[in-house]
Amino acid sequence: MEPLIKVQCLKHIYPDKTEVKLCGLDFVVKPGERVVVLGPNGAGKTTLLSHILGLLSAVEGTVEVMGFRPDKHFNRIRKNIGVVFQNVDEQIIGPRVYDDIAFTPRNEGLSKDEVHKKVMLVARTLKIEHLLDKIPHYLSGGQKKKVALAGAMVMMPKILIMDEPFDSLDPKAKGEMVAIINDLNKAHGVTLIITTHDINIVPSLADTIYIFNEGSIVTKGTPSEVFQQTEILKKANLEPPILSELFDRLRKRGYDIEIPNSLEDAEEQLLTILNPKEISNEGAKN
């Protein structure tokens, strides 16, 4: 399967001479994959996203999205990319929620009926129909994130890029956002690229994790694979999710278990350890 996105040994120099370099492993994203990028501040996460979006041009290295250089041919790929920036207040520009979501299809020249259908479809998908007549400025942080996501997804792009989408959200809003993102991936095959500092959410959100640190992509793998690499995580000022750390400690004590990818997975494994005979009998009954 050909990758949708491929970045190799990227180097960028900002106007103030700040240099950001991302070598080491190639950054490769396959169609339908859920990719999470982790790393300390200044590691290059936002720089990477800006290059994928064609907002920056590399001094060295290559950036390809769907076979095109985004800084040179963004018009060839723009319909296939949706983005939610970290500060959604700068992204939401419509006087009403409806108008903000309708901005892209209107600019694409769709008819009024087509625009309305697309707005209503994405609003139903994200369960924000009740917000369509609201003024965005007065919405809560979680509601604004959903509106920005609706604007990014209204044309149903193949790729969704999200920079710190859980920043400033309360636990309930985070859970809702994770469920929405996963549903978009499962139901519509949307490829996800997400940066976040909220590491405890990552196991339920990622197929592949990349760790950035000190100018390098230092490792990649599944959540189970990456969160066992404690030394690499420490060097990147990252702590593994609490569940991953707990299960890693249990593994070191000799328990035959895997690092869980969800709370449900963790529950099943712990029940198997605590009540192996009961679990076995229940399985036999079924």
C-alpha atoms as a PDB file:
ATOM      1  CA  MET A   1       0.000   0.000   0.000  1.00  0.00           C
ATOM      2  CA  GLU A   2       1.450   3.350  -1.068  1.00  0.00           C
ATOM      3  CA  PRO A   3       1.767   5.863   1.799  1.00  0.00           C
ATOM      4  CA  LEU A   4      -0.407   8.959   1.794  1.00  0.00           C
ATOM      5  CA  ILE A   5       2.336  10.980   3.459  1.00  0.00           C
ATOM      6  CA  LYS A   6       6.098  10.568   3.538  1.00  0.00           C
ATOM      7  CA  VAL A   7       8.616  12.895   5.167  1.00  0.00           C
ATOM      8  CA  GLN A   8      12.363  12.220   4.987  1.00  0.00           C
ATOM      9  CA  CYS A   9      15.065  14.072   6.985  1.00  0.00           C
ATOM     10  CA  LEU A  10      13.267  17.403   7.132  1.00  0.00           C
ATOM     11  CA  LYS A  11      15.170  20.598   7.901  1.00  0.00           C
ATOM     12  CA  HIS A  12      13.583  24.025   8.295  1.00  0.00           C
ATOM     13  CA  ILE A  13      15.070  27.398   9.220  1.00  0.00           C
ATOM     14  CA  TYR A  14      12.695  30.065  10.545  1.00  0.00           C
ATOM     15  CA  PRO A  15      13.204  33.807   9.860  1.00  0.00           C
ATOM     16  CA  ASP A  16      14.787  34.282  13.307  1.00  0.00           C
ATOM     17  CA  LYS A  17      17.393  31.602  12.352  1.00  0.00           C
ATOM     18  CA  THR A  18      15.824  28.961  14.593  1.00  0.00           C
ATOM     19  CA  GLU A  19      16.616  25.621  12.999  1.00  0.00           C
ATOM     20  CA  VAL A  20      14.379  22.578  13.276  1.00  0.00           C
ATOM     21  CA  LYS A  21      15.597  19.246  11.974  1.00  0.00           C
ATOM     22  CA  LEU A  22      13.771  15.916  11.902  1.00  0.00           C
ATOM     23  CA  CYS A  23      15.968  13.067  10.746  1.00  0.00           C
ATOM     24  CA  GLY A  24      16.342   9.527  12.001  1.00  0.00           C
ATOM     25  CA  LEU A  25      13.316   7.485  10.950  1.00  0.00           C
ATOM     26  CA  ASP A  26      11.130   8.432   7.985  1.00  0.00           C
ATOM     27  CA  PHE A  27       7.678   9.720   8.887  1.00  0.00           C
ATOM     28  CA  VAL A  28       5.264   7.560   6.897  1.00  0.00           C
ATOM     29  CA  VAL A  29       1.462   7.533   7.090  1.00  0.00           C
ATOM     30  CA  LYS A  30      -0.664   4.897   5.354  1.00  0.00           C
ATOM     31  CA  PRO A  31      -4.289   5.357   4.220  1.00  0.00           C
ATOM     32  CA  GLY A  32      -6.712   4.908   7.119  1.00  0.00           C
ATOM     33  CA  GLU A  33      -3.968   4.913   9.740  1.00  0.00           C
ATOM     34  CA  ARG A  34      -4.276   6.696  13.080  1.00  0.00           C
ATOM     35  CA  VAL A  35      -0.925   8.338  13.812  1.00  0.00           C
ATOM     36  CA  VAL A  36      -0.042  10.191  17.017  1.00  0.00           C
ATOM     37  CA  VAL A  37       3.096  12.318  17.330  1.00  0.00           C
ATOM     38  CA  LEU A  38       4.619  12.781  20.783  1.00  0.00           C
ATOM     39  CA  GLY A  39       7.576  14.815  21.986  1.00  0.00           C
ATOM     40  CA  PRO A  40       8.602  17.731  24.196  1.00  0.00           C
ATOM     41  CA  ASN A  41       7.954  21.354  23.274  1.00  0.00           C
ATOM     42  CA  GLY A  42      10.276  22.469  20.488  1.00  0.00           C
ATOM     43  CA  ALA A  43      10.805  18.953  19.162  1.00  0.00           C
ATOM     44  CA  GLY A  44       9.346  19.824  15.758  1.00  0.00           C
ATOM     45  CA  LYS A  45       5.788  18.482  15.929  1.00  0.00           C
ATOM     46  CA  THR A  46       4.067  21.666  14.744  1.00  0.00           C
ATOM     47  CA  THR A  47       6.812  22.269  12.182  1.00  0.00           C
ATOM     48  CA  LEU A  48       6.103  18.851  10.690  1.00  0.00           C
ATOM     49  CA  LEU A  49       2.374  19.574  10.447  1.00  0.00           C
ATOM     50  CA  SER A  50       3.031  22.959   8.843  1.00  0.00           C
ATOM     51  CA  HIS A  51       5.154  21.310   6.137  1.00  0.00           C
ATOM     52  CA  ILE A  52       2.504  18.656   5.466  1.00  0.00           C
ATOM     53  CA  LEU A  53      -0.022  21.493   5.074  1.00  0.00           C
ATOM     54  CA  GLY A  54       2.236  23.339   2.639  1.00  0.00           C
ATOM     55  CA  LEU A  55       2.592  26.330   4.969  1.00  0.00           C
ATOM     56  CA  LEU A  56       6.386  25.965   5.054  1.00  0.00           C
ATOM     57  CA  SER A  57       9.077  24.890   2.586  1.00  0.00           C
ATOM     58  CA  ALA A  58      11.923  22.614   3.628  1.00  0.00           C
ATOM     59  CA  VAL A  59      15.538  23.700   3.336  1.00  0.00           C
ATOM     60  CA  GLU A  60      16.541  20.046   3.172  1.00  0.00           C
ATOM     61  CA  GLY A  61      14.706  16.740   2.925  1.00  0.00           C
ATOM     62  CA  THR A  62      11.494  15.746   1.196  1.00  0.00           C
ATOM     63  CA  VAL A  63       7.824  16.106   2.056  1.00  0.00           C
ATOM     64  CA  GLU A  64       5.239  14.269  -0.052  1.00  0.00           C
ATOM     65  CA  VAL A  65       1.465  14.190   0.401  1.00  0.00           C
ATOM     66  CA  MET A  66      -0.437  11.950  -2.001  1.00  0.00           C
ATOM     67  CA  GLY A  67       2.622  12.051  -4.255  1.00  0.00           C
ATOM     68  CA  PHE A  68       2.848  15.875  -4.373  1.00  0.00           C
ATOM     69  CA  ARG A  69       5.023  18.463  -2.673  1.00  0.00           C
ATOM     70  CA  PRO A  70       2.486  20.370  -0.571  1.00  0.00           C
ATOM     71  CA  ASP A  71       4.426  23.664  -0.632  1.00  0.00           C
ATOM     72  CA  LYS A  72       4.424  23.618  -4.442  1.00  0.00           C
ATOM     73  CA  HIS A  73       1.179  21.845  -5.324  1.00  0.00           C
ATOM     74  CA  PHE A  74      -1.175  22.379  -2.389  1.00  0.00           C
ATOM     75  CA  ASN A  75      -4.105  23.071  -4.744  1.00  0.00           C
ATOM     76  CA  ARG A  76      -3.767  19.475  -5.946  1.00  0.00           C
ATOM     77  CA  ILE A  77      -4.290  18.053  -2.457  1.00  0.00           C
ATOM     78  CA  ARG A  78      -6.156  20.698  -0.417  1.00  0.00           C
ATOM     79  CA  LYS A  79      -9.604  19.087  -0.864  1.00  0.00           C
ATOM     80  CA  ASN A  80      -8.250  15.930   0.723  1.00  0.00           C
ATOM     81  CA  ILE A  81      -6.887  17.556   3.885  1.00  0.00           C
ATOM     82  CA  GLY A  82      -8.784  18.884   6.891  1.00  0.00           C
ATOM     83  CA  VAL A  83      -7.051  20.571   9.803  1.00  0.00           C
ATOM     84  CA  VAL A  84      -7.900  21.588  13.365  1.00  0.00           C
ATOM     85  CA  PHE A  85      -5.337  23.980  14.813  1.00  0.00           C
ATOM     86  CA  GLN A  86      -4.432  24.174  18.484  1.00  0.00           C
ATOM     87  CA  ASN A  87      -6.022  27.614  18.918  1.00  0.00           C
ATOM     88  CA  VAL A  88      -9.440  27.114  17.335  1.00  0.00           C
ATOM     89  CA  ASP A  89     -10.460  30.716  18.128  1.00  0.00           C
ATOM     90  CA  GLU A  90      -8.184  31.773  15.275  1.00  0.00           C
ATOM     91  CA  GLN A  91      -9.737  29.181  12.984  1.00  0.00           C
ATOM     92  CA  ILE A  92     -13.443  29.868  13.537  1.00  0.00           C
ATOM     93  CA  ILE A  93     -14.389  32.934  11.474  1.00  0.00           C
ATOM     94  CA  GLY A  94     -18.123  32.650  10.743  1.00  0.00           C
ATOM     95  CA  PRO A  95     -20.681  34.880  12.490  1.00  0.00           C
ATOM     96  CA  ARG A  96     -22.749  31.780  13.240  1.00  0.00           C
ATOM     97  CA  VAL A  97     -21.667  28.162  13.623  1.00  0.00           C
ATOM     98  CA  TYR A  98     -23.607  27.293  10.452  1.00  0.00           C
ATOM     99  CA  ASP A  99     -21.722  29.928   8.452  1.00  0.00           C
ATOM    100  CA  ASP A 100     -18.359  28.789   9.734  1.00  0.00           C
ATOM    101  CA  ILE A 101     -18.975  25.165   8.748  1.00  0.00           C
ATOM    102  CA  ALA A 102     -20.370  26.292   5.393  1.00  0.00           C
ATOM    103  CA  PHE A 103     -17.320  28.428   4.586  1.00  0.00           C
ATOM    104  CA  THR A 104     -15.371  25.837   2.569  1.00  0.00           C
ATOM    105  CA  PRO A 105     -18.230  24.375   0.502  1.00  0.00           C
ATOM    106  CA  ARG A 106     -19.423  27.902  -0.320  1.00  0.00           C
ATOM    107  CA  ASN A 107     -15.928  28.823  -1.484  1.00  0.00           C
ATOM    108  CA  GLU A 108     -15.823  25.681  -3.592  1.00  0.00           C
ATOM    109  CA  GLY A 109     -18.830  27.017  -5.499  1.00  0.00           C
ATOM    110  CA  LEU A 110     -21.384  24.462  -4.337  1.00  0.00           C
ATOM    111  CA  SER A 111     -25.047  25.317  -4.652  1.00  0.00           C
ATOM    112  CA  LYS A 112     -27.014  26.489  -1.636  1.00  0.00           C
ATOM    113  CA  ASP A 113     -28.758  23.095  -1.370  1.00  0.00           C
ATOM    114  CA  GLU A 114     -25.458  21.200  -1.606  1.00  0.00           C
ATOM    115  CA  VAL A 115     -23.889  23.410   1.040  1.00  0.00           C
ATOM    116  CA  HIS A 116     -26.839  22.871   3.356  1.00  0.00           C
ATOM    117  CA  LYS A 117     -26.731  19.100   2.904  1.00  0.00           C
ATOM    118  CA  LYS A 118     -23.029  18.963   3.729  1.00  0.00           C
ATOM    119  CA  VAL A 119     -23.378  21.218   6.769  1.00  0.00           C
ATOM    120  CA  MET A 120     -26.291  19.212   8.153  1.00  0.00           C
ATOM    121  CA  LEU A 121     -24.543  15.890   7.510  1.00  0.00           C
ATOM    122  CA  VAL A 122     -21.391  16.826   9.399  1.00  0.00           C
ATOM    123  CA  ALA A 123     -23.417  18.525  12.154  1.00  0.00           C
ATOM    124  CA  ARG A 124     -25.417  15.312  12.670  1.00  0.00           C
ATOM    125  CA  THR A 125     -22.244  13.236  12.587  1.00  0.00           C
ATOM    126  CA  LEU A 126     -20.679  15.362  15.338  1.00  0.00           C
ATOM    127  CA  LYS A 127     -23.989  15.869  17.165  1.00  0.00           C
ATOM    128  CA  ILE A 128     -23.875  19.674  17.049  1.00  0.00           C
ATOM    129  CA  GLU A 129     -27.125  20.471  15.192  1.00  0.00           C
ATOM    130  CA  HIS A 130     -28.280  22.422  18.263  1.00  0.00           C
ATOM    131  CA  LEU A 131     -25.287  24.765  17.879  1.00  0.00           C
ATOM    132  CA  LEU A 132     -25.793  25.778  14.254  1.00  0.00           C
ATOM    133  CA  ASP A 133     -27.468  29.123  15.041  1.00  0.00           C
ATOM    134  CA  LYS A 134     -25.134  29.974  17.927  1.00  0.00           C
ATOM    135  CA  ILE A 135     -22.436  32.665  17.901  1.00  0.00           C
ATOM    136  CA  PRO A 136     -19.075  30.809  18.116  1.00  0.00           C
ATOM    137  CA  HIS A 137     -17.543  33.334  20.521  1.00  0.00           C
ATOM    138  CA  TYR A 138     -19.912  32.270  23.321  1.00  0.00           C
ATOM    139  CA  LEU A 139     -19.372  28.511  22.991  1.00  0.00           C
ATOM    140  CA  SER A 140     -17.447  26.391  25.484  1.00  0.00           C
ATOM    141  CA  GLY A 141     -13.970  25.118  24.676  1.00  0.00           C
ATOM    142  CA  GLY A 142     -15.279  21.653  23.845  1.00  0.00           C
ATOM    143  CA  GLN A 143     -18.029  23.040  21.619  1.00  0.00           C
ATOM    144  CA  LYS A 144     -15.535  25.220  19.743  1.00  0.00           C
ATOM    145  CA  LYS A 145     -13.328  22.186  19.101  1.00  0.00           C
ATOM    146  CA  LYS A 146     -16.305  20.348  17.617  1.00  0.00           C
ATOM    147  CA  VAL A 147     -17.204  23.324  15.422  1.00  0.00           C
ATOM    148  CA  ALA A 148     -13.616  23.569  14.153  1.00  0.00           C
ATOM    149  CA  LEU A 149     -13.656  19.812  13.513  1.00  0.00           C
ATOM    150  CA  ALA A 150     -16.946  20.131  11.617  1.00  0.00           C
ATOM    151  CA  GLY A 151     -15.424  22.847   9.440  1.00  0.00           C
ATOM    152  CA  ALA A 152     -12.423  20.616   8.757  1.00  0.00           C
ATOM    153  CA  MET A 153     -14.570  17.589   7.919  1.00  0.00           C
ATOM    154  CA  VAL A 154     -17.464  19.196   6.001  1.00  0.00           C
ATOM    155  CA  MET A 155     -15.952  18.147   2.643  1.00  0.00           C
ATOM    156  CA  MET A 156     -15.047  14.704   4.058  1.00  0.00           C
ATOM    157  CA  PRO A 157     -11.295  14.844   3.309  1.00  0.00           C
ATOM    158  CA  LYS A 158      -9.097  11.757   3.297  1.00  0.00           C
ATOM    159  CA  ILE A 159      -6.666  13.214   5.848  1.00  0.00           C
ATOM    160  CA  LEU A 160      -7.443  14.965   9.145  1.00  0.00           C
ATOM    161  CA  ILE A 161      -4.613  16.783  10.938  1.00  0.00           C
ATOM    162  CA  MET A 162      -5.154  17.875  14.538  1.00  0.00           C
ATOM    163  CA  ASP A 163      -2.650  19.880  16.596  1.00  0.00           C
ATOM    164  CA  GLU A 164      -3.266  19.399  20.341  1.00  0.00           C
ATOM    165  CA  PRO A 165      -7.028  18.771  19.963  1.00  0.00           C
ATOM    166  CA  PHE A 166      -7.482  17.910  23.671  1.00  0.00           C
ATOM    167  CA  ASP A 167      -5.800  21.031  25.024  1.00  0.00           C
ATOM    168  CA  SER A 168      -7.955  22.777  27.673  1.00  0.00           C
ATOM    169  CA  LEU A 169     -10.769  20.189  27.472  1.00  0.00           C
ATOM    170  CA  ASP A 170     -12.268  18.643  30.612  1.00  0.00           C
ATOM    171  CA  PRO A 171     -12.264  14.812  30.961  1.00  0.00           C
ATOM    172  CA  LYS A 172     -15.805  14.398  29.602  1.00  0.00           C
ATOM    173  CA  ALA A 173     -15.093  16.589  26.567  1.00  0.00           C
ATOM    174  CA  LYS A 174     -11.859  14.688  25.920  1.00  0.00           C
ATOM    175  CA  GLY A 175     -13.721  11.386  25.956  1.00  0.00           C
ATOM    176  CA  GLU A 176     -16.303  12.744  23.528  1.00  0.00           C
ATOM    177  CA  MET A 177     -13.603  14.057  21.194  1.00  0.00           C
ATOM    178  CA  VAL A 178     -11.736  10.723  21.201  1.00  0.00           C
ATOM    179  CA  ALA A 179     -14.964   8.876  20.356  1.00  0.00           C
ATOM    180  CA  ILE A 180     -15.768  11.294  17.522  1.00  0.00           C
ATOM    181  CA  ILE A 181     -12.283  11.040  16.013  1.00  0.00           C
ATOM    182  CA  ASN A 182     -12.293   7.257  16.173  1.00  0.00           C
ATOM    183  CA  ASP A 183     -15.768   7.131  14.596  1.00  0.00           C
ATOM    184  CA  LEU A 184     -14.572   9.314  11.692  1.00  0.00           C
ATOM    185  CA  ASN A 185     -11.686   6.930  11.155  1.00  0.00           C
ATOM    186  CA  LYS A 186     -13.790   3.778  11.393  1.00  0.00           C
ATOM    187  CA  ALA A 187     -16.886   4.910   9.496  1.00  0.00           C
ATOM    188  CA  HIS A 188     -15.250   7.046   6.802  1.00  0.00           C
ATOM    189  CA  GLY A 189     -11.685   5.731   6.634  1.00  0.00           C
ATOM    190  CA  VAL A 190     -10.257   9.154   7.523  1.00  0.00           C
ATOM    191  CA  THR A 191      -6.492   9.081   8.049  1.00  0.00           C
ATOM    192  CA  LEU A 192      -5.540  10.798  11.311  1.00  0.00           C
ATOM    193  CA  ILE A 193      -2.381  12.683  12.280  1.00  0.00           C
ATOM    194  CA  ILE A 194      -2.570  14.038  15.819  1.00  0.00           C
ATOM    195  CA  THR A 195      -0.125  15.786  18.135  1.00  0.00           C
ATOM    196  CA  THR A 196      -0.901  15.774  21.836  1.00  0.00           C
ATOM    197  CA  HIS A 197       0.652  16.111  25.276  1.00  0.00           C
ATOM    198  CA  ASP A 198      -2.194  14.102  26.808  1.00  0.00           C
ATOM    199  CA  ILE A 199      -0.395  10.779  26.789  1.00  0.00           C
ATOM    200  CA  ASN A 200      -3.049   8.827  28.711  1.00  0.00           C
ATOM    201  CA  ILE A 201      -5.442   9.238  25.779  1.00  0.00           C
ATOM    202  CA  VAL A 202      -2.988   7.900  23.203  1.00  0.00           C
ATOM    203  CA  PRO A 203      -3.500   4.113  23.564  1.00  0.00           C
ATOM    204  CA  SER A 204      -7.182   4.444  22.630  1.00  0.00           C
ATOM    205  CA  LEU A 205      -6.410   6.744  19.720  1.00  0.00           C
ATOM    206  CA  ALA A 206      -3.312   5.473  17.901  1.00  0.00           C
ATOM    207  CA  ASP A 207      -2.365   2.676  15.547  1.00  0.00           C
ATOM    208  CA  THR A 208       1.153   4.111  15.285  1.00  0.00           C
ATOM    209  CA  ILE A 209       3.098   6.455  17.544  1.00  0.00           C
ATOM    210  CA  TYR A 210       6.136   8.531  16.574  1.00  0.00           C
ATOM    211  CA  ILE A 211       8.417  10.011  19.236  1.00  0.00           C
ATOM    212  CA  PHE A 212      10.277  13.229  18.358  1.00  0.00           C
ATOM    213  CA  ASN A 213      13.235  14.443  20.398  1.00  0.00           C
ATOM    214  CA  GLU A 214      16.299  16.643  19.855  1.00  0.00           C
ATOM    215  CA  GLY A 215      16.008  16.876  16.088  1.00  0.00           C
ATOM    216  CA  SER A 216      15.253  13.225  15.482  1.00  0.00           C
ATOM    217  CA  ILE A 217      12.376  10.836  15.054  1.00  0.00           C
ATOM    218  CA  VAL A 218      13.735   8.446  17.663  1.00  0.00           C
ATOM    219  CA  THR A 219      11.230   5.605  17.533  1.00  0.00           C
ATOM    220  CA  LYS A 220       7.900   4.463  16.122  1.00  0.00           C
ATOM    221  CA  GLY A 221       5.539   1.581  16.718  1.00  0.00           C
ATOM    222  CA  THR A 222       2.242   0.534  18.218  1.00  0.00           C
ATOM    223  CA  PRO A 223       1.298   1.911  21.649  1.00  0.00           C
ATOM    224  CA  SER A 224       2.352  -1.414  23.222  1.00  0.00           C
ATOM    225  CA  GLU A 225       5.740  -1.302  21.500  1.00  0.00           C
ATOM    226  CA  VAL A 226       6.498   2.358  22.174  1.00  0.00           C
ATOM    227  CA  PHE A 227       5.360   2.545  25.781  1.00  0.00           C
ATOM    228  CA  GLN A 228       7.713  -0.284  26.757  1.00  0.00           C
ATOM    229  CA  GLN A 229      10.693   1.841  25.657  1.00  0.00           C
ATOM    230  CA  THR A 230      10.995   3.633  28.976  1.00  0.00           C
ATOM    231  CA  GLU A 231      14.498   5.028  28.407  1.00  0.00           C
ATOM    232  CA  ILE A 232      13.504   6.690  25.125  1.00  0.00           C
ATOM    233  CA  LEU A 233      10.400   8.138  26.779  1.00  0.00           C
ATOM    234  CA  LYS A 234      12.422   9.556  29.685  1.00  0.00           C
ATOM    235  CA  LYS A 235      14.920  11.219  27.335  1.00  0.00           C
ATOM    236  CA  ALA A 236      11.971  12.882  25.572  1.00  0.00           C
ATOM    237  CA  ASN A 237      10.542  14.048  28.939  1.00  0.00           C
ATOM    238  CA  LEU A 238       7.554  11.736  28.488  1.00  0.00           C
ATOM    239  CA  GLU A 239       5.927   9.450  31.017  1.00  0.00           C
ATOM    240  CA  PRO A 240       4.098   6.346  29.772  1.00  0.00           C
ATOM    241  CA  PRO A 241       0.337   6.193  30.370  1.00  0.00           C
ATOM    242  CA  ILE A 242      -0.517   5.037  33.874  1.00  0.00           C
ATOM    243  CA  LEU A 243      -2.020   1.777  32.615  1.00  0.00           C
ATOM    244  CA  SER A 244       1.004   1.064  30.435  1.00  0.00           C
ATOM    245  CA  GLU A 245       3.366   1.649  33.358  1.00  0.00           C
ATOM    246  CA  LEU A 246       1.298  -0.602  35.628  1.00  0.00           C
ATOM    247  CA  PHE A 247       1.184  -3.447  33.104  1.00  0.00           C
ATOM    248  CA  ASP A 248       4.895  -3.097  32.365  1.00  0.00           C
ATOM    249  CA  ARG A 249       5.594  -3.537  36.080  1.00  0.00           C
ATOM    250  CA  LEU A 250       3.350  -6.611  36.192  1.00  0.00           C
ATOM    251  CA  ARG A 251       5.171  -8.069  33.165  1.00  0.00           C
ATOM    252  CA  LYS A 252       8.485  -7.622  34.961  1.00  0.00           C
ATOM    253  CA  ARG A 253       7.031  -9.598  37.880  1.00  0.00           C
ATOM    254  CA  GLY A 254       6.412 -12.507  35.527  1.00  0.00           C
ATOM    255  CA  TYR A 255       2.753 -12.071  34.533  1.00  0.00           C
ATOM    256  CA  ASP A 256       1.974 -13.095  30.948  1.00  0.00           C
ATOM    257  CA  ILE A 257       0.164  -9.947  29.838  1.00  0.00           C
ATOM    258  CA  GLU A 258       0.450  -7.321  27.101  1.00  0.00           C
ATOM    259  CA  ILE A 259       0.507  -3.532  27.395  1.00  0.00           C
ATOM    260  CA  PRO A 260      -3.214  -2.638  27.005  1.00  0.00           C
ATOM    261  CA  ASN A 261      -4.566  -0.395  24.266  1.00  0.00           C
ATOM    262  CA  SER A 262      -7.732   0.500  26.177  1.00  0.00           C
ATOM    263  CA  LEU A 263      -9.337   0.360  29.605  1.00  0.00           C
ATOM    264  CA  GLU A 264     -11.499  -2.541  28.417  1.00  0.00           C
ATOM    265  CA  ASP A 265      -8.414  -4.467  27.292  1.00  0.00           C
ATOM    266  CA  ALA A 266      -6.766  -3.843  30.654  1.00  0.00           C
ATOM    267  CA  GLU A 267      -9.891  -5.016  32.496  1.00  0.00           C
ATOM    268  CA  GLU A 268     -10.064  -8.291  30.561  1.00  0.00           C
ATOM    269  CA  GLN A 269      -6.401  -9.065  31.163  1.00  0.00           C
ATOM    270  CA  LEU A 270      -6.619  -8.290  34.885  1.00  0.00           C
ATOM    271  CA  LEU A 271      -9.733 -10.440  35.249  1.00  0.00           C
ATOM    272  CA  THR A 272      -7.890 -13.288  33.585  1.00  0.00           C
ATOM    273  CA  ILE A 273      -5.083 -12.965  36.138  1.00  0.00           C
ATOM    274  CA  LEU A 274      -7.386 -12.603  39.137  1.00  0.00           C
ATOM    275  CA  ASN A 275      -9.952 -15.265  38.185  1.00  0.00           C
ATOM    276  CA  PRO A 276      -8.420 -17.544  35.536  1.00  0.00           C
ATOM    277  CA  LYS A 277     -10.689 -20.495  36.364  1.00  0.00           C
ATOM    278  CA  GLU A 278     -13.851 -18.363  36.329  1.00  0.00           C
ATOM    279  CA  ILE A 279     -12.902 -16.792  32.985  1.00  0.00           C
ATOM    280  CA  SER A 280     -12.129 -20.237  31.547  1.00  0.00           C
ATOM    281  CA  ASN A 281     -15.489 -21.669  32.688  1.00  0.00           C
ATOM    282  CA  GLU A 282     -17.372 -18.656  31.352  1.00  0.00           C
ATOM    283  CA  GLY A 283     -15.648 -19.097  27.991  1.00  0.00           C
ATOM    284  CA  ALA A 284     -16.604 -22.773  27.935  1.00  0.00           C
ATOM    285  CA  LYS A 285     -20.273 -21.901  28.584  1.00  0.00           C
ATOM    286  CA  ASN A 286     -20.288 -19.445  25.674  1.00  0.00           C
END
